[in-house]
Amino acid sequence: MAKTSFTALLARVGLDWFVLALLAMIGVARLWPEPGMQTGPLSLSSLTNVGVSFIFFFYGLKLNFEQLKSGLRNYRLHLLIHLTTFGLFPALVLAARALLIQPDTVLLWMGIFYVAALPSTVSSSVVMVSLAGGNLPAAIFNASISSLIGVFITPIWMSVLLTSGNGSFDLQGVMIKLSLQVIVPVLLGLGLNQRLGWLAARYKTPLRYFDQITILLIVYTSFCESFTLNLFADYSVADLLWLSAGMLALFFVVYGLVWLACRFLNFSRADQITALFCGSKKSLVQGSVMAKVLFSASTAGVALLPIMVYHALQLIVASILAQRMAAQTEASE
């Protein structure tokens, strides 16, 4: 009974076992990094690459053409969400660069900008929009399209940052790798939707666990090498608290600006809810996948830290906001 009550309490504040497991993976990587450092066809790193391709294959298998088509019409809503995701986020972080970047926090700053350049998350955005009473077809459409175009836009943003620091960045190579790992499996799954889509619907819960376990392995292997090279030595608890405060501030600034834009554009309540949740969220799945391609194995752990913090905070805050909106919708009916 106590366990059930504790689980319900975590769910009310937007936390679940996955967020706690992410923290546990960091601890395991710190104490036992050897398995994550191994190489070879059966190493954890190689297995996660295969797992990622299956994640996006099953994602394509779940996509429904009719749902996507029904969400096509509202172009103003689509433009606002994608301009927020890929334009407003990076602009805000770049504007704050002078305040954030220090000689000993360059890699952490890169991770913060990486959060800003990532696409919107899919599953949690759709869940929050549904709970709050938003425009669900538009949420499915925008979250899905965001994941696909992020394969191209995120590397372009990162290439601007990395090459401006006198480094080299193989943009074409990165896009090819991401296309093979993300776009091709999605298109293959989408092509098989009519024949095998029922499998994705029937086994939705096991597939969600498969996604989460794959992400946990990516986080584990990324942090193993970072800990082995002692890359976190320069970061204190105060730095992590400042990072959390900054990520929370970023969420609320974007959320507030999107709310103002919705008021200016005279959006309906349903469209406003969709814009708020799809526009303010970032994808840990895409962040974990792209980090393996965009960053070296040694720096991926530090680069992933900001998106892990943002992911946890957006779940907590968005869950509270969605429940409040749901209650307001029920009260008005």
Protein backbone atom coordinates (compact mmCIF):
# COMPACT_ATOMS: atom_id res chain seq x y z
CA MET A 1 0.00 0.00 0.00
CA ALA A 2 2.82 2.37 0.94
CA LYS A 3 4.61 1.54 -2.30
CA THR A 4 1.47 2.28 -4.31
CA SER A 5 1.02 5.60 -2.50
CA PHE A 6 4.64 6.54 -3.16
CA THR A 7 4.28 5.69 -6.86
CA ALA A 8 1.08 7.75 -7.06
CA LEU A 9 2.84 10.69 -5.38
CA LEU A 10 5.69 10.55 -7.90
CA ALA A 11 3.18 10.44 -10.77
CA ARG A 12 1.35 13.50 -9.43
CA VAL A 13 4.52 15.60 -9.61
CA GLY A 14 5.50 14.24 -13.01
CA LEU A 15 8.17 11.80 -11.86
CA ASP A 16 8.24 8.12 -12.73
CA TRP A 17 10.66 5.23 -12.44
CA PHE A 18 12.43 6.31 -15.63
CA VAL A 19 13.60 9.66 -14.24
CA LEU A 20 14.87 7.92 -11.11
CA ALA A 21 16.54 5.25 -13.27
CA LEU A 22 18.36 7.97 -15.23
CA LEU A 23 19.89 9.20 -11.98
CA ALA A 24 20.74 5.62 -11.03
CA MET A 25 22.55 5.06 -14.34
CA ILE A 26 24.81 8.01 -13.60
CA GLY A 27 25.60 6.49 -10.21
CA VAL A 28 26.31 3.06 -11.71
CA ALA A 29 28.55 4.62 -14.38
CA ARG A 30 30.49 6.39 -11.63
CA LEU A 31 30.98 3.24 -9.57
CA TRP A 32 31.28 0.61 -12.33
CA PRO A 33 32.33 2.13 -15.68
CA GLU A 34 34.15 -0.91 -17.11
CA PRO A 35 31.17 -2.54 -18.97
CA GLY A 36 30.38 0.74 -20.70
CA MET A 37 33.98 1.13 -21.89
CA GLN A 38 34.13 -2.17 -23.75
CA THR A 39 34.14 -2.20 -27.56
CA GLY A 40 33.14 -4.78 -30.13
CA PRO A 41 30.00 -6.03 -31.93
CA LEU A 42 28.40 -7.26 -28.69
CA SER A 43 29.43 -4.31 -26.51
CA LEU A 44 26.76 -2.18 -24.82
CA SER A 45 27.60 0.72 -27.11
CA SER A 46 27.06 -1.38 -30.26
CA LEU A 47 23.85 -2.87 -28.89
CA THR A 48 22.44 0.59 -28.17
CA ASN A 49 23.04 1.58 -31.81
CA VAL A 50 20.88 -1.37 -32.89
CA GLY A 51 18.32 -0.52 -30.22
CA VAL A 52 18.06 3.07 -31.45
CA SER A 53 17.20 1.91 -34.98
CA PHE A 54 14.45 -0.31 -33.58
CA ILE A 55 13.10 2.59 -31.49
CA PHE A 56 12.54 4.67 -34.60
CA PHE A 57 11.28 1.72 -36.65
CA PHE A 58 8.56 1.08 -34.06
CA TYR A 59 7.91 4.83 -33.90
CA GLY A 60 7.24 4.83 -37.66
CA LEU A 61 5.09 1.74 -37.26
CA LYS A 62 2.86 3.66 -34.83
CA LEU A 63 2.43 6.67 -37.12
CA ASN A 64 -0.95 6.90 -38.78
CA PHE A 65 -1.36 8.70 -42.11
CA GLU A 66 -4.90 9.81 -41.29
CA GLN A 67 -3.82 11.41 -37.99
CA LEU A 68 -0.97 13.22 -39.74
CA LYS A 69 -3.23 14.48 -42.53
CA SER A 70 -5.84 15.76 -40.08
CA GLY A 71 -3.19 17.85 -38.36
CA LEU A 72 -1.92 19.50 -41.56
CA ARG A 73 -4.44 22.31 -41.85
CA ASN A 74 -3.52 24.68 -39.03
CA TYR A 75 -0.35 26.16 -40.52
CA ARG A 76 -0.16 29.08 -38.03
CA LEU A 77 0.00 26.65 -35.13
CA HIS A 78 2.65 24.54 -36.88
CA LEU A 79 4.80 27.56 -37.68
CA LEU A 80 4.66 28.85 -34.10
CA ILE A 81 5.67 25.48 -32.63
CA HIS A 82 8.59 24.89 -34.98
CA LEU A 83 9.85 28.47 -34.86
CA THR A 84 9.81 28.16 -31.09
CA THR A 85 11.53 24.77 -31.05
CA PHE A 86 14.27 25.53 -33.57
CA GLY A 87 14.46 29.34 -33.47
CA LEU A 88 13.41 30.84 -30.15
CA PHE A 89 15.19 28.29 -27.96
CA PRO A 90 18.63 28.70 -29.62
CA ALA A 91 18.23 32.49 -29.80
CA LEU A 92 17.53 32.75 -26.06
CA VAL A 93 20.49 30.55 -25.12
CA LEU A 94 22.82 32.43 -27.48
CA ALA A 95 21.64 35.71 -25.96
CA ALA A 96 22.59 34.42 -22.50
CA ARG A 97 25.95 33.04 -23.66
CA ALA A 98 28.04 35.78 -22.05
CA LEU A 99 26.44 35.00 -18.68
CA LEU A 100 26.72 31.23 -19.00
CA ILE A 101 30.09 30.46 -20.55
CA GLN A 102 33.29 30.36 -18.51
CA PRO A 103 36.68 28.79 -19.33
CA ASP A 104 35.90 25.75 -17.16
CA THR A 105 32.26 25.35 -18.30
CA VAL A 106 32.67 25.38 -22.09
CA LEU A 107 31.55 21.76 -22.47
CA LEU A 108 28.56 22.29 -20.19
CA TRP A 109 27.61 25.39 -22.20
CA MET A 110 27.76 23.27 -25.35
CA GLY A 111 25.32 20.85 -23.70
CA ILE A 112 22.96 23.72 -22.83
CA PHE A 113 22.98 24.94 -26.41
CA TYR A 114 22.45 21.33 -27.51
CA VAL A 115 19.22 21.29 -25.48
CA ALA A 116 18.08 24.44 -27.28
CA ALA A 117 18.80 22.94 -30.71
CA LEU A 118 16.95 19.66 -30.12
CA PRO A 119 13.49 18.81 -31.52
CA SER A 120 10.37 18.56 -29.39
CA THR A 121 9.59 15.35 -27.58
CA VAL A 122 6.84 13.14 -28.97
CA SER A 123 5.18 10.87 -26.43
CA SER A 124 5.04 13.17 -23.40
CA SER A 125 3.91 16.17 -25.49
CA VAL A 126 1.01 14.16 -26.89
CA VAL A 127 0.13 12.81 -23.45
CA MET A 128 0.15 16.29 -21.86
CA VAL A 129 -1.90 17.81 -24.69
CA SER A 130 -4.44 15.00 -24.39
CA LEU A 131 -4.65 15.38 -20.61
CA ALA A 132 -5.07 19.16 -20.77
CA GLY A 133 -7.72 19.03 -23.53
CA GLY A 134 -5.67 20.39 -26.42
CA ASN A 135 -5.71 19.80 -30.17
CA LEU A 136 -4.51 16.18 -30.21
CA PRO A 137 -4.19 15.63 -34.01
CA ALA A 138 -2.10 18.81 -34.27
CA ALA A 139 0.06 17.65 -31.35
CA ILE A 140 0.71 14.29 -33.00
CA PHE A 141 1.53 15.99 -36.30
CA ASN A 142 3.89 18.60 -34.84
CA ALA A 143 5.70 16.27 -32.45
CA SER A 144 6.24 13.75 -35.25
CA ILE A 145 7.43 16.31 -37.80
CA SER A 146 9.68 17.95 -35.21
CA SER A 147 11.51 14.67 -34.62
CA LEU A 148 12.11 14.18 -38.34
CA ILE A 149 13.27 17.68 -39.28
CA GLY A 150 15.38 17.83 -36.14
CA VAL A 151 17.68 15.25 -37.75
CA PHE A 152 18.74 18.05 -40.11
CA ILE A 153 18.22 21.29 -38.16
CA THR A 154 19.91 20.22 -34.91
CA PRO A 155 23.22 19.28 -36.62
CA ILE A 156 23.14 22.57 -38.54
CA TRP A 157 22.84 24.55 -35.29
CA MET A 158 25.59 22.47 -33.67
CA SER A 159 27.84 22.92 -36.69
CA VAL A 160 27.54 26.71 -36.29
CA LEU A 161 28.58 26.45 -32.64
CA LEU A 162 31.36 23.89 -33.04
CA THR A 163 32.98 25.43 -36.11
CA SER A 164 32.87 28.92 -34.55
CA GLY A 165 35.12 27.50 -31.83
CA ASN A 166 37.81 26.74 -34.46
CA GLY A 167 36.89 23.08 -34.47
CA SER A 168 35.99 20.80 -37.35
CA PHE A 169 32.50 19.46 -37.93
CA ASP A 170 31.52 17.03 -40.66
CA LEU A 171 27.94 18.23 -41.18
CA GLN A 172 27.30 16.02 -44.20
CA GLY A 173 28.65 12.94 -42.44
CA VAL A 174 26.56 13.63 -39.34
CA MET A 175 23.37 14.03 -41.39
CA ILE A 176 24.04 10.80 -43.28
CA LYS A 177 24.60 8.86 -40.04
CA LEU A 178 21.47 10.29 -38.43
CA SER A 179 19.39 9.69 -41.55
CA LEU A 180 20.45 6.03 -41.62
CA GLN A 181 19.80 5.63 -37.90
CA VAL A 182 16.58 7.66 -37.63
CA ILE A 183 14.91 8.60 -40.93
CA VAL A 184 15.31 5.27 -42.72
CA PRO A 185 13.85 3.17 -39.85
CA VAL A 186 10.96 5.64 -39.44
CA LEU A 187 10.11 5.51 -43.15
CA LEU A 188 10.36 1.72 -43.12
CA GLY A 189 8.00 1.53 -40.15
CA LEU A 190 5.63 4.06 -41.72
CA GLY A 191 5.53 1.98 -44.91
CA LEU A 192 4.52 -1.07 -42.90
CA ASN A 193 1.95 0.76 -40.77
CA GLN A 194 -1.13 -0.58 -42.53
CA ARG A 195 0.08 -4.18 -42.32
CA LEU A 196 1.83 -4.26 -38.94
CA GLY A 197 0.61 -1.13 -37.16
CA TRP A 198 -1.61 -3.27 -34.96
CA LEU A 199 1.50 -4.81 -33.41
CA ALA A 200 2.72 -1.42 -32.20
CA ALA A 201 -0.72 -0.69 -30.75
CA ARG A 202 -1.06 -4.07 -29.04
CA TYR A 203 2.43 -4.03 -27.52
CA LYS A 204 2.55 -0.32 -26.72
CA THR A 205 3.65 -0.80 -23.11
CA PRO A 206 6.50 -3.28 -23.82
CA LEU A 207 7.73 -1.02 -26.64
CA ARG A 208 7.77 1.96 -24.29
CA TYR A 209 9.89 -0.04 -21.85
CA PHE A 210 12.20 -1.02 -24.72
CA ASP A 211 12.63 2.66 -25.63
CA GLN A 212 13.39 3.61 -22.05
CA ILE A 213 15.86 0.79 -21.44
CA THR A 214 17.73 1.70 -24.64
CA ILE A 215 17.99 5.32 -23.51
CA LEU A 216 19.22 4.20 -20.08
CA LEU A 217 21.99 2.18 -21.75
CA ILE A 218 22.98 5.17 -23.89
CA VAL A 219 23.17 7.37 -20.79
CA TYR A 220 25.17 4.72 -18.93
CA THR A 221 27.76 4.21 -21.70
CA SER A 222 28.08 7.97 -22.27
CA PHE A 223 28.75 8.71 -18.61
CA CYS A 224 31.16 5.77 -18.22
CA GLU A 225 33.81 7.34 -20.44
CA SER A 226 33.24 10.84 -19.08
CA PHE A 227 33.76 9.59 -15.53
CA THR A 228 36.81 7.54 -16.55
CA LEU A 229 38.42 10.67 -18.03
CA ASN A 230 37.39 12.66 -14.93
CA LEU A 231 35.53 15.27 -17.00
CA PHE A 232 33.21 16.14 -14.11
CA ALA A 233 36.05 17.13 -11.80
CA ASP A 234 35.57 20.84 -12.50
CA TYR A 235 31.83 20.82 -11.69
CA SER A 236 30.52 21.29 -8.16
CA VAL A 237 27.10 20.70 -6.63
CA ALA A 238 26.55 24.46 -6.92
CA ASP A 239 27.18 24.21 -10.68
CA LEU A 240 24.50 21.51 -10.98
CA LEU A 241 22.05 23.60 -8.96
CA TRP A 242 22.71 26.59 -11.20
CA LEU A 243 22.22 24.35 -14.24
CA SER A 244 18.87 23.16 -12.89
CA ALA A 245 17.75 26.72 -12.14
CA GLY A 246 18.80 27.81 -15.63
CA MET A 247 16.94 24.96 -17.32
CA LEU A 248 13.82 25.75 -15.31
CA ALA A 249 14.09 29.44 -16.21
CA LEU A 250 14.51 28.54 -19.90
CA PHE A 251 11.33 26.44 -19.79
CA PHE A 252 9.24 29.20 -18.22
CA VAL A 253 10.60 31.97 -20.48
CA VAL A 254 9.73 29.94 -23.58
CA TYR A 255 6.38 28.92 -22.09
CA GLY A 256 5.54 32.55 -21.32
CA LEU A 257 6.55 33.82 -24.76
CA VAL A 258 4.53 31.11 -26.49
CA TRP A 259 1.52 32.01 -24.33
CA LEU A 260 1.85 35.67 -25.38
CA ALA A 261 2.15 34.66 -29.04
CA CYS A 262 -0.99 32.52 -28.76
CA ARG A 263 -2.89 35.47 -27.29
CA PHE A 264 -1.63 37.76 -30.06
CA LEU A 265 -2.61 35.24 -32.76
CA ASN A 266 -6.01 34.70 -31.11
CA PHE A 267 -5.62 30.93 -30.90
CA SER A 268 -8.40 28.77 -29.55
CA ARG A 269 -7.86 27.22 -26.13
CA ALA A 270 -7.16 23.81 -27.72
CA ASP A 271 -4.54 25.23 -30.09
CA GLN A 272 -2.98 27.27 -27.29
CA ILE A 273 -2.55 24.16 -25.15
CA THR A 274 -0.91 22.33 -28.06
CA ALA A 275 1.48 25.21 -28.77
CA LEU A 276 2.45 25.51 -25.10
CA PHE A 277 3.29 21.84 -24.59
CA CYS A 278 4.77 21.00 -27.99
CA GLY A 279 6.74 24.24 -28.18
CA SER A 280 8.30 24.18 -24.72
CA LYS A 281 9.52 20.57 -24.56
CA LYS A 282 12.72 18.90 -25.74
CA SER A 283 13.38 15.26 -26.64
CA LEU A 284 15.68 13.15 -24.47
CA VAL A 285 15.34 10.30 -26.99
CA GLN A 286 16.65 12.43 -29.87
CA GLY A 287 19.19 14.04 -27.56
CA SER A 288 20.62 10.68 -26.54
CA VAL A 289 20.72 9.40 -30.11
CA MET A 290 22.28 12.49 -31.65
CA ALA A 291 24.84 12.86 -28.85
CA LYS A 292 26.44 9.57 -29.94
CA VAL A 293 26.98 11.07 -33.40
CA LEU A 294 27.62 14.76 -32.62
CA PHE A 295 30.00 14.38 -29.67
CA SER A 296 33.00 12.21 -28.96
CA ALA A 297 32.50 9.26 -26.63
CA SER A 298 34.51 11.03 -23.94
CA THR A 299 32.45 14.25 -23.92
CA ALA A 300 28.96 12.82 -24.55
CA GLY A 301 28.25 12.35 -20.84
CA VAL A 302 28.81 16.00 -19.94
CA ALA A 303 26.96 17.13 -23.06
CA LEU A 304 23.96 14.96 -22.10
CA LEU A 305 23.70 16.32 -18.56
CA PRO A 306 21.68 19.48 -19.44
CA ILE A 307 19.08 17.59 -21.50
CA MET A 308 18.66 15.05 -18.69
CA VAL A 309 18.05 17.90 -16.23
CA TYR A 310 15.67 19.65 -18.65
CA HIS A 311 13.83 16.37 -19.32
CA ALA A 312 13.16 15.75 -15.63
CA LEU A 313 12.08 19.34 -14.98
CA GLN A 314 9.80 19.55 -18.03
CA LEU A 315 8.05 16.35 -16.96
CA ILE A 316 7.41 17.69 -13.47
CA VAL A 317 6.29 21.18 -14.51
CA ALA A 318 4.31 20.11 -17.58
CA SER A 319 2.49 17.42 -15.61
CA ILE A 320 1.40 19.95 -12.98
CA LEU A 321 0.32 22.45 -15.64
CA ALA A 322 -1.56 19.81 -17.66
CA GLN A 323 -3.48 18.63 -14.60
CA ARG A 324 -4.40 22.22 -13.74
CA MET A 325 -5.63 22.86 -17.30
CA ALA A 326 -7.64 19.64 -17.23
CA ALA A 327 -9.32 20.72 -14.01
CA GLN A 328 -10.13 24.14 -15.51
CA THR A 329 -11.63 22.47 -18.60
CA GLU A 330 -13.82 20.20 -16.44
CA ALA A 331 -14.95 23.15 -14.31
CA SER A 332 -16.02 25.14 -17.38
CA GLU A 333 -18.11 22.30 -18.83
